Amino acid sequence: MKNIRFSLILLLLVAIFSCAKKDVVFVTIGTGGVSGVYYPTGGAISKMVNNNFKEYGIKATAESTAGSVYNINSVLSGDLDFGIAQSDRQYQAVKGLSEWAEFGPQEKLRSVFSIHPEAITLIVSDKSGIKTIEDLVGARVNLGNPGSGQLQNSRDVLGAFGVSEDMLKSEYVKAVEAPGLVQDELLDAFFYTVGHPNVNIKEATSGRVKVHIVPIEGSPIESLLEALPYYDRAIIPHDYYELSTNTEDVPTIGVKATLVTSADVFDDIVYAFTKEVFENFDEFKTLHPAYGILTKESMLKGLSAPVHPGALKYYKEAGLTEHIKPELIK
């Protein structure tokens, strides 16, 4: 009798444990390189959701990836649940442009919210003599790794000034590798679209080889801003990189980092992620200097894909829907 009772208790415990395991939902956020802003952003969001595991039953993790294009494609294929992507890449995917031209508009892509602004940053060695975009002709320039948003940003800026890739000695390595290559005098310059301050750029400005940040401005840029609505003016504060040979803030243009997901991801999961960030907004803003200028309203700008119903549920509860473009509410 005791053995039967013990067996029944054991079976009950196994059943309870199995049910508990089934209730856990594992969610992954695709980010970027570990030294950029995307990776800690994904980690911070994951931590906020994990802190309320008892409420949501979600175990979230941040995964280092190749960047925006990879993240969008992986979200659409179901390999990732969320991804951080530049606002221009979100726009191109929704419209079926650039890498998605062959496949057409990506109708399952959904936006959740925007995060920090990202400035297109051109770092060059003083030895190179490069002062303008046109001076890059013939130089050894890293444009960004395939699958990253910054590669297209580099192409857009160069194209605005009538400079093509074949006019440069173009390289396509990850941003984390570029500062070392400049310091080893294997590169003259590199583009990096990123939130500031950034450790890679601090590395580039604090080495033996002196460097400066080139302004990205002028009438070609004004035309670019008119043609491509996801770009906006930005400023890189000199205080962030005092060891560069710049003497004042640097004007440029930029995009926004955005959190995207798929229409296939359950509403309650997206609701949980949205709620945790917005309900812990003041804490979120302290996690990186790039977040300091964020407002809840600004985090609803720069979106091109329809807002996911799970995110929209929270925005309705919080009275924030007036800050979302009406065409993104479906």
C-alpha atoms as a PDB file:
ATOM      1  CA  MET A   1       0.000   0.000   0.000  1.00  0.00           C
ATOM      2  CA  LYS A   2       2.823   2.374   0.910  1.00  0.00           C
ATOM      3  CA  ASN A   3       4.553   1.564  -2.361  1.00  0.00           C
ATOM      4  CA  ILE A   4       1.384   2.323  -4.341  1.00  0.00           C
ATOM      5  CA  ARG A   5       0.890   5.607  -2.469  1.00  0.00           C
ATOM      6  CA  PHE A   6       4.517   6.565  -3.038  1.00  0.00           C
ATOM      7  CA  SER A   7       4.203   5.761  -6.757  1.00  0.00           C
ATOM      8  CA  LEU A   8       1.069   7.872  -7.063  1.00  0.00           C
ATOM      9  CA  ILE A   9       2.755  10.810  -5.326  1.00  0.00           C
ATOM     10  CA  LEU A  10       5.783  10.430  -7.585  1.00  0.00           C
ATOM     11  CA  LEU A  11       3.605  10.384 -10.693  1.00  0.00           C
ATOM     12  CA  LEU A  12       1.753  13.459  -9.473  1.00  0.00           C
ATOM     13  CA  LEU A  13       5.027  15.345  -8.907  1.00  0.00           C
ATOM     14  CA  VAL A  14       6.273  14.359 -12.358  1.00  0.00           C
ATOM     15  CA  ALA A  15       2.988  15.565 -13.880  1.00  0.00           C
ATOM     16  CA  ILE A  16       3.190  18.894 -12.037  1.00  0.00           C
ATOM     17  CA  PHE A  17       6.826  19.368 -13.060  1.00  0.00           C
ATOM     18  CA  SER A  18       6.016  18.519 -16.688  1.00  0.00           C
ATOM     19  CA  CYS A  19       3.168  21.005 -16.747  1.00  0.00           C
ATOM     20  CA  ALA A  20       5.363  23.662 -15.228  1.00  0.00           C
ATOM     21  CA  LYS A  21       7.992  23.035 -17.884  1.00  0.00           C
ATOM     22  CA  LYS A  22       5.378  23.323 -20.653  1.00  0.00           C
ATOM     23  CA  ASP A  23       4.257  26.665 -19.263  1.00  0.00           C
ATOM     24  CA  VAL A  24       7.697  28.202 -19.821  1.00  0.00           C
ATOM     25  CA  VAL A  25       7.915  30.175 -23.065  1.00  0.00           C
ATOM     26  CA  PHE A  26      11.436  30.736 -24.388  1.00  0.00           C
ATOM     27  CA  VAL A  27      11.847  33.946 -26.347  1.00  0.00           C
ATOM     28  CA  THR A  28      14.931  35.202 -28.185  1.00  0.00           C
ATOM     29  CA  ILE A  29      15.807  38.756 -29.241  1.00  0.00           C
ATOM     30  CA  GLY A  30      18.264  39.188 -32.113  1.00  0.00           C
ATOM     31  CA  THR A  31      20.630  42.109 -31.484  1.00  0.00           C
ATOM     32  CA  GLY A  32      24.045  42.894 -33.023  1.00  0.00           C
ATOM     33  CA  GLY A  33      27.708  42.818 -32.079  1.00  0.00           C
ATOM     34  CA  VAL A  34      28.473  42.480 -28.374  1.00  0.00           C
ATOM     35  CA  SER A  35      30.281  45.844 -28.270  1.00  0.00           C
ATOM     36  CA  GLY A  36      27.457  47.840 -29.864  1.00  0.00           C
ATOM     37  CA  VAL A  37      24.267  49.239 -28.347  1.00  0.00           C
ATOM     38  CA  TYR A  38      21.916  46.556 -29.720  1.00  0.00           C
ATOM     39  CA  TYR A  39      23.292  43.747 -27.571  1.00  0.00           C
ATOM     40  CA  PRO A  40      22.932  45.490 -24.174  1.00  0.00           C
ATOM     41  CA  THR A  41      19.547  46.817 -25.316  1.00  0.00           C
ATOM     42  CA  GLY A  42      18.319  43.288 -25.978  1.00  0.00           C
ATOM     43  CA  GLY A  43      19.784  42.165 -22.669  1.00  0.00           C
ATOM     44  CA  ALA A  44      18.066  44.978 -20.766  1.00  0.00           C
ATOM     45  CA  ILE A  45      14.674  44.203 -22.311  1.00  0.00           C
ATOM     46  CA  SER A  46      15.123  40.488 -21.623  1.00  0.00           C
ATOM     47  CA  LYS A  47      15.998  41.161 -17.993  1.00  0.00           C
ATOM     48  CA  MET A  48      12.893  43.294 -17.471  1.00  0.00           C
ATOM     49  CA  VAL A  49      10.649  40.525 -18.782  1.00  0.00           C
ATOM     50  CA  ASN A  50      12.500  37.810 -16.867  1.00  0.00           C
ATOM     51  CA  ASN A  51      12.075  39.749 -13.633  1.00  0.00           C
ATOM     52  CA  ASN A  52       8.344  39.065 -13.943  1.00  0.00           C
ATOM     53  CA  PHE A  53       8.634  35.392 -14.828  1.00  0.00           C
ATOM     54  CA  LYS A  54       5.892  34.440 -12.357  1.00  0.00           C
ATOM     55  CA  GLU A  55       3.459  36.696 -14.214  1.00  0.00           C
ATOM     56  CA  TYR A  56       4.386  35.900 -17.809  1.00  0.00           C
ATOM     57  CA  GLY A  57       6.151  32.516 -17.739  1.00  0.00           C
ATOM     58  CA  ILE A  58       8.650  33.897 -20.255  1.00  0.00           C
ATOM     59  CA  LYS A  59      12.394  33.241 -20.304  1.00  0.00           C
ATOM     60  CA  ALA A  60      13.938  35.800 -22.646  1.00  0.00           C
ATOM     61  CA  THR A  61      17.505  35.866 -23.969  1.00  0.00           C
ATOM     62  CA  ALA A  62      19.468  38.240 -26.194  1.00  0.00           C
ATOM     63  CA  GLU A  63      21.462  36.735 -29.059  1.00  0.00           C
ATOM     64  CA  SER A  64      24.406  38.471 -30.759  1.00  0.00           C
ATOM     65  CA  THR A  65      23.784  38.533 -34.528  1.00  0.00           C
ATOM     66  CA  ALA A  66      25.004  40.111 -37.777  1.00  0.00           C
ATOM     67  CA  GLY A  67      22.533  42.984 -37.409  1.00  0.00           C
ATOM     68  CA  SER A  68      19.392  44.458 -38.915  1.00  0.00           C
ATOM     69  CA  VAL A  69      18.896  42.467 -42.116  1.00  0.00           C
ATOM     70  CA  TYR A  70      19.672  39.193 -40.379  1.00  0.00           C
ATOM     71  CA  ASN A  71      17.304  40.041 -37.536  1.00  0.00           C
ATOM     72  CA  ILE A  72      14.405  40.951 -39.805  1.00  0.00           C
ATOM     73  CA  ASN A  73      14.799  37.821 -41.918  1.00  0.00           C
ATOM     74  CA  SER A  74      15.142  35.622 -38.830  1.00  0.00           C
ATOM     75  CA  VAL A  75      12.029  37.141 -37.259  1.00  0.00           C
ATOM     76  CA  LEU A  76      10.083  36.507 -40.466  1.00  0.00           C
ATOM     77  CA  SER A  77      11.322  32.915 -40.692  1.00  0.00           C
ATOM     78  CA  GLY A  78      10.490  32.236 -37.031  1.00  0.00           C
ATOM     79  CA  ASP A  79      14.113  31.661 -35.989  1.00  0.00           C
ATOM     80  CA  LEU A  80      13.895  34.738 -33.729  1.00  0.00           C
ATOM     81  CA  ASP A  81      10.875  36.095 -31.872  1.00  0.00           C
ATOM     82  CA  PHE A  82      12.083  39.701 -31.814  1.00  0.00           C
ATOM     83  CA  GLY A  83      14.871  41.576 -33.532  1.00  0.00           C
ATOM     84  CA  ILE A  84      16.440  45.002 -33.257  1.00  0.00           C
ATOM     85  CA  ALA A  85      16.697  46.682 -36.653  1.00  0.00           C
ATOM     86  CA  GLN A  86      17.413  50.121 -37.999  1.00  0.00           C
ATOM     87  CA  SER A  87      14.339  52.100 -39.030  1.00  0.00           C
ATOM     88  CA  ASP A  88      15.517  52.280 -42.642  1.00  0.00           C
ATOM     89  CA  ARG A  89      15.782  48.504 -42.842  1.00  0.00           C
ATOM     90  CA  GLN A  90      12.292  48.162 -41.367  1.00  0.00           C
ATOM     91  CA  TYR A  91      11.010  50.555 -44.041  1.00  0.00           C
ATOM     92  CA  GLN A  92      12.778  48.688 -46.857  1.00  0.00           C
ATOM     93  CA  ALA A  93      11.466  45.313 -45.714  1.00  0.00           C
ATOM     94  CA  VAL A  94       7.883  46.568 -45.507  1.00  0.00           C
ATOM     95  CA  LYS A  95       8.138  48.198 -48.946  1.00  0.00           C
ATOM     96  CA  GLY A  96       9.983  45.303 -50.574  1.00  0.00           C
ATOM     97  CA  LEU A  97      13.107  47.327 -51.350  1.00  0.00           C
ATOM     98  CA  SER A  98      16.860  46.699 -51.210  1.00  0.00           C
ATOM     99  CA  GLU A  99      17.545  43.122 -49.963  1.00  0.00           C
ATOM    100  CA  TRP A 100      13.817  42.392 -50.176  1.00  0.00           C
ATOM    101  CA  ALA A 101      13.270  43.665 -53.732  1.00  0.00           C
ATOM    102  CA  GLU A 102      13.305  40.118 -55.096  1.00  0.00           C
ATOM    103  CA  PHE A 103      10.728  38.916 -52.558  1.00  0.00           C
ATOM    104  CA  GLY A 104       8.378  41.892 -52.386  1.00  0.00           C
ATOM    105  CA  PRO A 105       6.854  43.586 -49.318  1.00  0.00           C
ATOM    106  CA  GLN A 106       7.326  41.617 -46.113  1.00  0.00           C
ATOM    107  CA  GLU A 107       3.703  41.652 -44.974  1.00  0.00           C
ATOM    108  CA  LYS A 108       4.228  39.674 -41.769  1.00  0.00           C
ATOM    109  CA  LEU A 109       6.710  42.163 -40.286  1.00  0.00           C
ATOM    110  CA  ARG A 110       5.348  44.040 -37.264  1.00  0.00           C
ATOM    111  CA  SER A 111       6.796  46.906 -35.255  1.00  0.00           C
ATOM    112  CA  VAL A 112       6.829  47.075 -31.462  1.00  0.00           C
ATOM    113  CA  PHE A 113       8.578  50.364 -30.634  1.00  0.00           C
ATOM    114  CA  SER A 114      11.550  52.557 -31.509  1.00  0.00           C
ATOM    115  CA  ILE A 115      14.560  52.850 -29.251  1.00  0.00           C
ATOM    116  CA  HIS A 116      17.586  55.152 -29.523  1.00  0.00           C
ATOM    117  CA  PRO A 117      18.727  57.348 -32.421  1.00  0.00           C
ATOM    118  CA  GLU A 118      21.723  56.090 -34.394  1.00  0.00           C
ATOM    119  CA  ALA A 119      24.071  58.473 -36.161  1.00  0.00           C
ATOM    120  CA  ILE A 120      25.948  57.602 -39.340  1.00  0.00           C
ATOM    121  CA  THR A 121      29.517  58.135 -38.211  1.00  0.00           C
ATOM    122  CA  LEU A 122      32.552  58.373 -40.492  1.00  0.00           C
ATOM    123  CA  ILE A 123      35.863  57.976 -38.650  1.00  0.00           C
ATOM    124  CA  VAL A 124      39.075  58.665 -40.594  1.00  0.00           C
ATOM    125  CA  SER A 125      42.773  58.754 -39.762  1.00  0.00           C
ATOM    126  CA  ASP A 126      44.348  62.188 -39.778  1.00  0.00           C
ATOM    127  CA  LYS A 127      47.177  60.791 -41.916  1.00  0.00           C
ATOM    128  CA  SER A 128      44.745  60.027 -44.723  1.00  0.00           C
ATOM    129  CA  GLY A 129      44.026  63.703 -45.327  1.00  0.00           C
ATOM    130  CA  ILE A 130      40.313  62.944 -45.705  1.00  0.00           C
ATOM    131  CA  LYS A 131      38.102  65.909 -44.799  1.00  0.00           C
ATOM    132  CA  THR A 132      34.959  65.282 -46.858  1.00  0.00           C
ATOM    133  CA  ILE A 133      32.976  62.405 -48.360  1.00  0.00           C
ATOM    134  CA  GLU A 134      34.453  63.143 -51.799  1.00  0.00           C
ATOM    135  CA  ASP A 135      37.951  62.702 -50.353  1.00  0.00           C
ATOM    136  CA  LEU A 136      37.187  59.004 -49.783  1.00  0.00           C
ATOM    137  CA  VAL A 137      37.780  58.233 -53.471  1.00  0.00           C
ATOM    138  CA  GLY A 138      40.716  55.826 -53.703  1.00  0.00           C
ATOM    139  CA  ALA A 139      40.893  55.328 -49.926  1.00  0.00           C
ATOM    140  CA  ARG A 140      40.647  52.089 -47.931  1.00  0.00           C
ATOM    141  CA  VAL A 141      37.176  52.366 -46.396  1.00  0.00           C
ATOM    142  CA  ASN A 142      35.117  49.883 -44.393  1.00  0.00           C
ATOM    143  CA  LEU A 143      31.450  50.171 -45.340  1.00  0.00           C
ATOM    144  CA  GLY A 144      30.046  47.549 -42.957  1.00  0.00           C
ATOM    145  CA  ASN A 145      29.516  43.805 -42.932  1.00  0.00           C
ATOM    146  CA  PRO A 146      26.906  42.137 -45.171  1.00  0.00           C
ATOM    147  CA  GLY A 147      23.596  41.858 -43.326  1.00  0.00           C
ATOM    148  CA  SER A 148      24.156  45.041 -41.327  1.00  0.00           C
ATOM    149  CA  GLY A 149      22.112  48.211 -41.618  1.00  0.00           C
ATOM    150  CA  GLN A 150      25.201  50.379 -41.754  1.00  0.00           C
ATOM    151  CA  LEU A 151      26.275  48.919 -45.101  1.00  0.00           C
ATOM    152  CA  GLN A 152      23.216  50.416 -46.786  1.00  0.00           C
ATOM    153  CA  ASN A 153      23.676  53.686 -44.851  1.00  0.00           C
ATOM    154  CA  SER A 154      27.232  53.926 -46.173  1.00  0.00           C
ATOM    155  CA  ARG A 155      25.994  53.332 -49.707  1.00  0.00           C
ATOM    156  CA  ASP A 156      23.259  55.944 -49.330  1.00  0.00           C
ATOM    157  CA  VAL A 157      25.675  58.617 -48.102  1.00  0.00           C
ATOM    158  CA  LEU A 158      28.271  57.839 -50.765  1.00  0.00           C
ATOM    159  CA  GLY A 159      25.605  57.785 -53.465  1.00  0.00           C
ATOM    160  CA  ALA A 160      24.301  61.191 -52.397  1.00  0.00           C
ATOM    161  CA  PHE A 161      27.745  62.624 -53.201  1.00  0.00           C
ATOM    162  CA  GLY A 162      28.106  60.682 -56.445  1.00  0.00           C
ATOM    163  CA  VAL A 163      30.699  58.278 -54.999  1.00  0.00           C
ATOM    164  CA  SER A 164      30.344  54.571 -55.852  1.00  0.00           C
ATOM    165  CA  GLU A 165      31.881  51.582 -54.083  1.00  0.00           C
ATOM    166  CA  ASP A 166      34.164  50.800 -57.006  1.00  0.00           C
ATOM    167  CA  MET A 167      35.718  54.254 -56.590  1.00  0.00           C
ATOM    168  CA  LEU A 168      36.985  53.135 -53.162  1.00  0.00           C
ATOM    169  CA  LYS A 169      39.116  50.310 -51.848  1.00  0.00           C
ATOM    170  CA  SER A 170      36.057  48.971 -50.070  1.00  0.00           C
ATOM    171  CA  GLU A 171      36.103  46.587 -47.125  1.00  0.00           C
ATOM    172  CA  TYR A 172      33.138  44.804 -45.527  1.00  0.00           C
ATOM    173  CA  VAL A 173      34.188  43.764 -42.028  1.00  0.00           C
ATOM    174  CA  LYS A 174      32.245  44.073 -38.771  1.00  0.00           C
ATOM    175  CA  ALA A 175      32.388  47.413 -37.009  1.00  0.00           C
ATOM    176  CA  VAL A 176      34.135  45.869 -33.998  1.00  0.00           C
ATOM    177  CA  GLU A 177      37.136  45.052 -36.229  1.00  0.00           C
ATOM    178  CA  ALA A 178      37.451  48.445 -37.921  1.00  0.00           C
ATOM    179  CA  PRO A 179      39.109  50.507 -35.125  1.00  0.00           C
ATOM    180  CA  GLY A 180      41.974  48.031 -34.866  1.00  0.00           C
ATOM    181  CA  LEU A 181      42.453  48.087 -38.629  1.00  0.00           C
ATOM    182  CA  VAL A 182      42.656  51.885 -38.595  1.00  0.00           C
ATOM    183  CA  GLN A 183      45.189  51.775 -35.766  1.00  0.00           C
ATOM    184  CA  ASP A 184      47.205  49.167 -37.694  1.00  0.00           C
ATOM    185  CA  GLU A 185      47.044  51.499 -40.720  1.00  0.00           C
ATOM    186  CA  LEU A 186      45.236  48.880 -42.789  1.00  0.00           C
ATOM    187  CA  LEU A 187      42.191  51.145 -43.173  1.00  0.00           C
ATOM    188  CA  ASP A 188      41.948  54.874 -43.819  1.00  0.00           C
ATOM    189  CA  ALA A 189      38.353  55.204 -42.697  1.00  0.00           C
ATOM    190  CA  PHE A 190      35.222  53.367 -41.589  1.00  0.00           C
ATOM    191  CA  PHE A 191      31.502  54.038 -41.403  1.00  0.00           C
ATOM    192  CA  TYR A 192      29.555  53.039 -38.327  1.00  0.00           C
ATOM    193  CA  THR A 193      25.852  53.642 -37.721  1.00  0.00           C
ATOM    194  CA  VAL A 194      25.477  53.559 -33.960  1.00  0.00           C
ATOM    195  CA  GLY A 195      24.126  55.191 -30.817  1.00  0.00           C
ATOM    196  CA  HIS A 196      26.612  57.420 -29.021  1.00  0.00           C
ATOM    197  CA  PRO A 197      28.816  57.187 -27.027  1.00  0.00           C
ATOM    198  CA  ASN A 198      30.203  53.933 -28.395  1.00  0.00           C
ATOM    199  CA  VAL A 199      33.144  51.858 -27.162  1.00  0.00           C
ATOM    200  CA  ASN A 200      34.389  51.000 -30.665  1.00  0.00           C
ATOM    201  CA  ILE A 201      34.659  54.650 -31.597  1.00  0.00           C
ATOM    202  CA  LYS A 202      36.308  55.450 -28.264  1.00  0.00           C
ATOM    203  CA  GLU A 203      38.837  52.736 -29.096  1.00  0.00           C
ATOM    204  CA  ALA A 204      39.440  54.287 -32.511  1.00  0.00           C
ATOM    205  CA  THR A 205      39.969  57.771 -31.076  1.00  0.00           C
ATOM    206  CA  SER A 206      42.309  56.758 -28.248  1.00  0.00           C
ATOM    207  CA  GLY A 207      45.022  54.897 -30.172  1.00  0.00           C
ATOM    208  CA  ARG A 208      48.420  55.772 -31.593  1.00  0.00           C
ATOM    209  CA  VAL A 209      46.969  56.824 -34.929  1.00  0.00           C
ATOM    210  CA  LYS A 210      45.080  60.101 -34.514  1.00  0.00           C
ATOM    211  CA  VAL A 211      41.591  60.184 -36.009  1.00  0.00           C
ATOM    212  CA  HIS A 212      38.697  62.553 -36.510  1.00  0.00           C
ATOM    213  CA  ILE A 213      34.994  62.291 -37.377  1.00  0.00           C
ATOM    214  CA  VAL A 214      33.985  63.716 -40.761  1.00  0.00           C
ATOM    215  CA  PRO A 215      30.831  65.874 -40.956  1.00  0.00           C
ATOM    216  CA  ILE A 216      28.094  64.457 -43.180  1.00  0.00           C
ATOM    217  CA  GLU A 217      26.255  67.534 -44.411  1.00  0.00           C
ATOM    218  CA  GLY A 218      25.663  69.773 -47.414  1.00  0.00           C
ATOM    219  CA  SER A 219      23.181  70.008 -50.277  1.00  0.00           C
ATOM    220  CA  PRO A 220      23.542  66.323 -51.283  1.00  0.00           C
ATOM    221  CA  ILE A 221      22.450  65.372 -47.769  1.00  0.00           C
ATOM    222  CA  GLU A 222      19.498  67.771 -47.922  1.00  0.00           C
ATOM    223  CA  SER A 223      18.363  65.972 -51.084  1.00  0.00           C
ATOM    224  CA  LEU A 224      18.853  62.601 -49.378  1.00  0.00           C
ATOM    225  CA  LEU A 225      16.694  63.673 -46.424  1.00  0.00           C
ATOM    226  CA  GLU A 226      13.906  64.634 -48.819  1.00  0.00           C
ATOM    227  CA  ALA A 227      14.125  61.372 -50.745  1.00  0.00           C
ATOM    228  CA  LEU A 228      14.394  58.959 -47.808  1.00  0.00           C
ATOM    229  CA  PRO A 229      12.008  59.833 -44.938  1.00  0.00           C
ATOM    230  CA  TYR A 230      13.575  57.462 -42.386  1.00  0.00           C
ATOM    231  CA  TYR A 231      16.712  59.611 -42.164  1.00  0.00           C
ATOM    232  CA  ASP A 232      16.942  62.677 -39.946  1.00  0.00           C
ATOM    233  CA  ARG A 233      19.614  65.151 -38.848  1.00  0.00           C
ATOM    234  CA  ALA A 234      21.812  64.188 -35.911  1.00  0.00           C
ATOM    235  CA  ILE A 235      24.706  65.583 -33.896  1.00  0.00           C
ATOM    236  CA  ILE A 236      27.689  63.681 -32.476  1.00  0.00           C
ATOM    237  CA  PRO A 237      28.822  65.529 -29.314  1.00  0.00           C
ATOM    238  CA  HIS A 238      32.547  66.256 -29.171  1.00  0.00           C
ATOM    239  CA  ASP A 239      32.448  65.610 -25.407  1.00  0.00           C
ATOM    240  CA  TYR A 240      31.887  61.922 -26.121  1.00  0.00           C
ATOM    241  CA  TYR A 241      35.197  61.598 -27.983  1.00  0.00           C
ATOM    242  CA  GLU A 242      37.558  64.188 -26.573  1.00  0.00           C
ATOM    243  CA  LEU A 243      40.620  62.292 -27.822  1.00  0.00           C
ATOM    244  CA  SER A 244      39.568  62.734 -31.446  1.00  0.00           C
ATOM    245  CA  THR A 245      41.140  65.718 -33.228  1.00  0.00           C
ATOM    246  CA  ASN A 246      37.728  67.301 -33.764  1.00  0.00           C
ATOM    247  CA  THR A 247      37.262  70.526 -31.843  1.00  0.00           C
ATOM    248  CA  GLU A 248      33.458  70.757 -31.889  1.00  0.00           C
ATOM    249  CA  ASP A 249      30.274  68.733 -32.295  1.00  0.00           C
ATOM    250  CA  VAL A 250      29.932  66.934 -35.627  1.00  0.00           C
ATOM    251  CA  PRO A 251      26.761  67.236 -37.773  1.00  0.00           C
ATOM    252  CA  THR A 252      25.521  64.124 -39.541  1.00  0.00           C
ATOM    253  CA  ILE A 253      22.314  62.199 -40.242  1.00  0.00           C
ATOM    254  CA  GLY A 254      20.929  59.044 -38.712  1.00  0.00           C
ATOM    255  CA  VAL A 255      18.171  56.525 -38.244  1.00  0.00           C
ATOM    256  CA  LYS A 256      16.542  54.884 -35.254  1.00  0.00           C
ATOM    257  CA  ALA A 257      16.936  51.477 -33.705  1.00  0.00           C
ATOM    258  CA  THR A 258      13.560  49.702 -33.627  1.00  0.00           C
ATOM    259  CA  LEU A 259      12.223  46.496 -32.099  1.00  0.00           C
ATOM    260  CA  VAL A 260      10.405  44.308 -34.625  1.00  0.00           C
ATOM    261  CA  THR A 261       8.567  41.030 -34.507  1.00  0.00           C
ATOM    262  CA  SER A 262       6.306  38.883 -36.686  1.00  0.00           C
ATOM    263  CA  ALA A 263       2.534  38.723 -36.985  1.00  0.00           C
ATOM    264  CA  ASP A 264       2.909  35.073 -35.957  1.00  0.00           C
ATOM    265  CA  VAL A 265       4.203  35.879 -32.459  1.00  0.00           C
ATOM    266  CA  PHE A 266       1.452  35.608 -29.829  1.00  0.00           C
ATOM    267  CA  ASP A 267      -0.149  38.835 -28.623  1.00  0.00           C
ATOM    268  CA  ASP A 268       0.476  38.137 -24.938  1.00  0.00           C
ATOM    269  CA  ILE A 269       4.228  37.775 -25.516  1.00  0.00           C
ATOM    270  CA  VAL A 270       4.503  41.095 -27.369  1.00  0.00           C
ATOM    271  CA  TYR A 271       2.261  42.738 -24.772  1.00  0.00           C
ATOM    272  CA  ALA A 272       4.592  41.596 -21.985  1.00  0.00           C
ATOM    273  CA  PHE A 273       7.695  42.995 -23.686  1.00  0.00           C
ATOM    274  CA  THR A 274       6.004  46.307 -24.459  1.00  0.00           C
ATOM    275  CA  LYS A 275       4.527  46.731 -20.999  1.00  0.00           C
ATOM    276  CA  GLU A 276       7.764  45.967 -19.151  1.00  0.00           C
ATOM    277  CA  VAL A 277       9.789  48.546 -21.079  1.00  0.00           C
ATOM    278  CA  PHE A 278       7.190  51.306 -20.825  1.00  0.00           C
ATOM    279  CA  GLU A 279       6.214  50.593 -17.217  1.00  0.00           C
ATOM    280  CA  ASN A 280       9.903  50.655 -16.224  1.00  0.00           C
ATOM    281  CA  PHE A 281      10.758  53.549 -18.517  1.00  0.00           C
ATOM    282  CA  ASP A 282      12.867  55.598 -16.086  1.00  0.00           C
ATOM    283  CA  GLU A 283      14.965  52.550 -15.261  1.00  0.00           C
ATOM    284  CA  PHE A 284      15.337  51.696 -18.948  1.00  0.00           C
ATOM    285  CA  LYS A 285      16.660  55.192 -19.741  1.00  0.00           C
ATOM    286  CA  THR A 286      19.515  54.772 -17.258  1.00  0.00           C
ATOM    287  CA  LEU A 287      20.861  51.602 -18.877  1.00  0.00           C
ATOM    288  CA  HIS A 288      22.863  53.370 -21.620  1.00  0.00           C
ATOM    289  CA  PRO A 289      23.809  57.021 -22.326  1.00  0.00           C
ATOM    290  CA  ALA A 290      22.188  56.707 -25.774  1.00  0.00           C
ATOM    291  CA  TYR A 291      18.791  56.296 -24.068  1.00  0.00           C
ATOM    292  CA  GLY A 292      19.035  59.561 -22.136  1.00  0.00           C
ATOM    293  CA  ILE A 293      17.029  61.611 -24.644  1.00  0.00           C
ATOM    294  CA  LEU A 294      14.229  59.058 -25.028  1.00  0.00           C
ATOM    295  CA  THR A 295      10.605  59.874 -24.343  1.00  0.00           C
ATOM    296  CA  LYS A 296       7.662  57.496 -24.523  1.00  0.00           C
ATOM    297  CA  GLU A 297       6.344  59.528 -27.441  1.00  0.00           C
ATOM    298  CA  SER A 298       9.659  59.345 -29.352  1.00  0.00           C
ATOM    299  CA  MET A 299       9.625  55.553 -28.999  1.00  0.00           C
ATOM    300  CA  LEU A 300       6.538  55.474 -31.211  1.00  0.00           C
ATOM    301  CA  LYS A 301       8.196  57.416 -34.043  1.00  0.00           C
ATOM    302  CA  GLY A 302      10.270  56.049 -36.932  1.00  0.00           C
ATOM    303  CA  LEU A 303       8.065  52.972 -37.427  1.00  0.00           C
ATOM    304  CA  SER A 304       7.012  51.670 -40.847  1.00  0.00           C
ATOM    305  CA  ALA A 305       5.552  48.214 -40.203  1.00  0.00           C
ATOM    306  CA  PRO A 306       2.055  47.881 -38.690  1.00  0.00           C
ATOM    307  CA  VAL A 307       2.146  47.874 -34.891  1.00  0.00           C
ATOM    308  CA  HIS A 308       1.730  44.359 -33.491  1.00  0.00           C
ATOM    309  CA  PRO A 309      -1.685  43.865 -31.795  1.00  0.00           C
ATOM    310  CA  GLY A 310       0.026  42.858 -28.536  1.00  0.00           C
ATOM    311  CA  ALA A 311       1.949  46.133 -28.418  1.00  0.00           C
ATOM    312  CA  LEU A 312      -1.126  48.083 -29.502  1.00  0.00           C
ATOM    313  CA  LYS A 313      -3.108  46.610 -26.602  1.00  0.00           C
ATOM    314  CA  TYR A 314      -0.666  48.190 -24.156  1.00  0.00           C
ATOM    315  CA  TYR A 315      -0.553  51.537 -26.014  1.00  0.00           C
ATOM    316  CA  LYS A 316      -4.349  51.743 -25.827  1.00  0.00           C
ATOM    317  CA  GLU A 317      -4.246  51.041 -22.087  1.00  0.00           C
ATOM    318  CA  ALA A 318      -1.555  53.690 -21.596  1.00  0.00           C
ATOM    319  CA  GLY A 319      -3.242  56.322 -23.781  1.00  0.00           C
ATOM    320  CA  LEU A 320      -0.336  56.456 -26.257  1.00  0.00           C
ATOM    321  CA  THR A 321      -2.068  55.579 -29.540  1.00  0.00           C
ATOM    322  CA  GLU A 322      -2.324  59.257 -30.564  1.00  0.00           C
ATOM    323  CA  HIS A 323       1.462  59.219 -31.085  1.00  0.00           C
ATOM    324  CA  ILE A 324       1.308  56.369 -33.627  1.00  0.00           C
ATOM    325  CA  LYS A 325       0.739  56.955 -37.343  1.00  0.00           C
ATOM    326  CA  PRO A 326      -2.910  55.989 -38.027  1.00  0.00           C
ATOM    327  CA  GLU A 327      -1.910  53.821 -41.004  1.00  0.00           C
ATOM    328  CA  LEU A 328       0.150  51.602 -38.679  1.00  0.00           C
ATOM    329  CA  ILE A 329      -2.868  50.734 -36.542  1.00  0.00           C
ATOM    330  CA  LYS A 330      -4.725  47.756 -37.998  1.00  0.00           C
END
